[in-house]
Protein backbone atom coordinates (compact mmCIF):
# COMPACT_ATOMS: atom_id res chain seq x y z
CA MET A 1 -0.12 0.11 0.15
CA ASP A 2 1.84 2.85 -1.13
CA VAL A 3 1.48 6.86 0.81
CA GLY A 4 -1.54 7.53 -1.54
CA THR A 5 -3.86 5.27 -0.97
CA ARG A 6 -3.08 5.31 2.56
CA HIS A 7 -4.23 9.40 2.73
CA GLU A 8 -7.12 8.30 0.59
CA GLY A 9 -7.89 6.07 3.32
CA ILE A 10 -8.12 8.39 6.11
CA GLU A 11 -10.36 11.02 3.55
CA LEU A 12 -12.77 8.66 3.97
CA PHE A 13 -13.29 8.96 7.41
CA SER A 14 -13.40 12.52 7.35
CA ASN A 15 -15.74 12.80 3.98
CA PRO A 16 -19.67 14.58 4.92
CA ILE A 17 -21.03 12.47 2.88
CA PHE A 18 -19.33 8.98 4.13
CA LEU A 19 -19.68 10.58 8.12
CA SER A 20 -23.49 11.47 7.03
CA ALA A 21 -24.50 8.40 6.20
CA VAL A 22 -22.67 6.55 8.48
CA PHE A 23 -23.90 8.23 11.71
CA SER A 24 -27.46 8.37 9.83
CA LEU A 25 -27.62 4.51 9.98
CA LEU A 26 -25.69 4.42 13.74
CA ILE A 27 -28.14 7.31 15.18
CA ALA A 28 -31.59 5.74 13.35
CA GLN A 29 -30.92 1.69 14.95
CA PHE A 30 -29.98 3.84 18.31
CA LEU A 31 -32.95 4.95 18.57
CA LYS A 32 -34.66 2.34 17.19
CA SER A 33 -33.57 0.55 20.13
CA VAL A 34 -34.66 3.51 22.37
CA VAL A 35 -38.13 3.52 21.18
CA ASN A 36 -38.19 -0.89 21.27
CA ILE A 37 -36.70 -0.15 25.21
CA PHE A 38 -39.44 2.17 26.24
CA ARG A 39 -42.86 0.20 24.31
CA SER A 40 -41.27 -2.78 26.84
CA ARG A 41 -40.45 -5.03 23.43
CA ALA A 42 -36.71 -5.42 24.61
CA HIS A 43 -36.74 -7.45 27.96
CA SER A 44 -32.89 -7.81 27.82
CA PHE A 45 -29.34 -6.00 26.87
CA ARG A 46 -29.25 -9.20 24.40
CA GLU A 47 -32.48 -7.87 22.95
CA VAL A 48 -31.07 -4.52 22.11
CA LEU A 49 -28.25 -5.29 20.67
CA VAL A 50 -30.03 -7.71 18.47
CA THR A 51 -32.19 -4.53 17.86
CA PHE A 52 -28.76 -2.68 17.30
CA PHE A 53 -27.15 -4.79 14.90
CA TRP A 54 -29.53 -6.83 12.93
CA LYS A 55 -33.27 -5.61 13.35
CA THR A 56 -35.18 -3.92 10.25
CA GLY A 57 -38.53 -2.31 10.42
CA GLY A 58 -39.60 -0.05 13.09
CA MET A 59 -38.94 3.43 14.62
CA PRO A 60 -37.50 4.95 12.90
CA SER A 61 -36.15 3.88 9.14
CA SER A 62 -33.04 3.02 9.69
CA HIS A 63 -33.33 2.34 5.15
CA SER A 64 -34.72 5.88 4.82
CA ALA A 65 -32.93 7.23 6.98
CA LEU A 66 -28.99 6.55 5.09
CA ALA A 67 -30.80 6.99 1.68
CA VAL A 68 -31.93 10.44 2.05
CA SER A 69 -28.94 11.50 4.06
CA ILE A 70 -26.86 9.99 1.35
CA ALA A 71 -28.66 12.03 -1.33
CA THR A 72 -28.77 15.04 0.48
CA ALA A 73 -24.89 15.33 1.13
CA ILE A 74 -24.13 14.58 -1.81
CA ALA A 75 -26.95 17.54 -3.07
CA ILE A 76 -25.13 19.88 -1.08
CA ARG A 77 -21.37 18.79 -1.61
CA GLU A 78 -22.44 18.25 -5.50
CA GLY A 79 -25.28 19.75 -6.76
CA LEU A 80 -28.37 19.27 -7.71
CA ASN A 81 -27.66 19.00 -11.27
CA THR A 82 -24.43 16.00 -11.39
CA SER A 83 -24.97 12.94 -12.29
CA ILE A 84 -24.37 11.41 -8.80
CA PHE A 85 -26.99 13.18 -7.18
CA ILE A 86 -29.60 12.05 -9.78
CA LEU A 87 -28.19 8.72 -8.69
CA SER A 88 -28.74 8.58 -5.72
CA LEU A 89 -31.61 10.65 -5.72
CA PHE A 90 -33.55 8.11 -7.48
CA PHE A 91 -31.92 4.70 -5.07
CA SER A 92 -33.03 6.81 -2.30
CA LEU A 93 -36.60 6.67 -3.74
CA VAL A 94 -36.13 2.93 -4.77
CA VAL A 95 -35.26 2.01 -0.67
CA ILE A 96 -37.99 3.96 0.87
CA ARG A 97 -40.60 2.67 -1.64
CA ASP A 98 -38.71 -1.03 -0.85
CA ALA A 99 -39.51 -0.59 3.02
CA LEU A 100 -42.84 0.59 2.57
CA GLY A 101 -44.03 -1.73 -0.02
CA VAL A 102 -42.41 -4.63 -0.91
CA ARG A 103 -41.27 -5.22 2.44
CA ARG A 104 -43.57 -4.62 4.50
CA ALA A 105 -45.94 -6.84 2.14
CA ALA A 106 -43.95 -9.89 2.26
CA GLY A 107 -43.89 -9.63 6.18
CA LEU A 108 -47.43 -9.07 6.44
CA GLN A 109 -47.37 -12.27 4.40
CA ALA A 110 -45.40 -13.85 6.69
CA ARG A 111 -47.33 -13.54 9.67
CA ALA A 112 -50.08 -14.95 7.84
CA LEU A 113 -48.55 -17.99 6.52
CA ASN A 114 -47.19 -18.41 10.12
CA GLN A 115 -50.16 -17.82 11.99
CA LEU A 116 -52.01 -20.42 9.49
CA GLY A 117 -48.90 -23.28 10.17
CA LYS A 118 -49.68 -22.15 13.92
CA GLU A 119 -53.37 -22.99 13.98
CA LEU A 120 -52.87 -26.42 10.83
CA SER A 121 -49.78 -28.20 13.45
CA ALA A 122 -52.29 -27.56 16.61
CA ARG A 123 -55.01 -29.31 14.33
CA ILE A 124 -53.31 -31.76 12.86
CA ASP A 125 -50.36 -32.15 14.81
CA ILE A 126 -48.42 -31.57 11.38
CA PRO A 127 -45.16 -29.62 11.95
CA TYR A 128 -44.70 -26.45 10.84
CA ARG A 129 -41.32 -24.51 11.03
CA PRO A 130 -41.77 -20.93 10.85
CA VAL A 131 -41.19 -18.20 7.86
CA LYS A 132 -38.96 -15.26 8.82
CA GLU A 133 -41.36 -11.85 9.28
CA VAL A 134 -39.55 -9.39 7.66
CA HIS A 135 -40.68 -6.11 8.82
CA GLY A 136 -41.41 -3.10 6.16
CA HIS A 137 -42.45 0.34 7.99
CA ASN A 138 -45.16 2.25 7.77
CA PRO A 139 -45.28 5.90 6.85
CA SER A 140 -44.44 7.68 9.98
CA GLU A 141 -41.84 5.38 10.70
CA VAL A 142 -40.39 6.16 6.97
CA ILE A 143 -40.87 10.34 7.30
CA VAL A 144 -38.97 10.01 10.51
CA GLY A 145 -36.24 8.63 9.52
CA SER A 146 -35.83 10.59 6.01
CA LEU A 147 -35.89 13.49 8.28
CA LEU A 148 -33.17 12.28 10.25
CA GLY A 149 -31.31 11.59 7.28
CA PHE A 150 -31.68 15.07 6.16
CA PHE A 151 -30.95 16.87 9.24
CA ILE A 152 -27.82 14.66 9.58
CA ALA A 153 -26.42 15.42 6.14
CA LEU A 154 -27.14 18.93 7.08
CA ALA A 155 -25.37 19.26 9.52
CA PHE A 156 -22.61 17.01 8.41
CA CYS A 157 -21.96 18.64 5.37
CA THR A 158 -22.77 22.75 6.49
CA LEU A 159 -21.09 22.84 9.89
């Protein structure tokens, strides 16, 4: 590794676009963990860690926070009339649409399948292994996540 490559690696960690993306994701996941604690969904420290590092769905949407943060930071740093901003804008719209639509619908279908499987297993003694319930987002979770990402990018790119 030459000195130039090492210098570029260090610059990455001071890049406001990179920092706003990382912090929007981490802060959204942290807030999601806090919300789960207050809603009494997390009963142990392990559950809090699982929420922070792995769980999808819930308030706020970390997917939306991350995507909007990247698009906002690129808009501020590179400008609105750039190819990279247009790419990031449409990428964030796809991510948000997926969080609201496809993933939410898949989660609801998985929940229905698991309920049906549980009932059939109880009635006719057929073993049933539940499918993973992917949790999508409702509109308020996406809006809060998007606002979080926007303001974090604004802070990193203008302060």
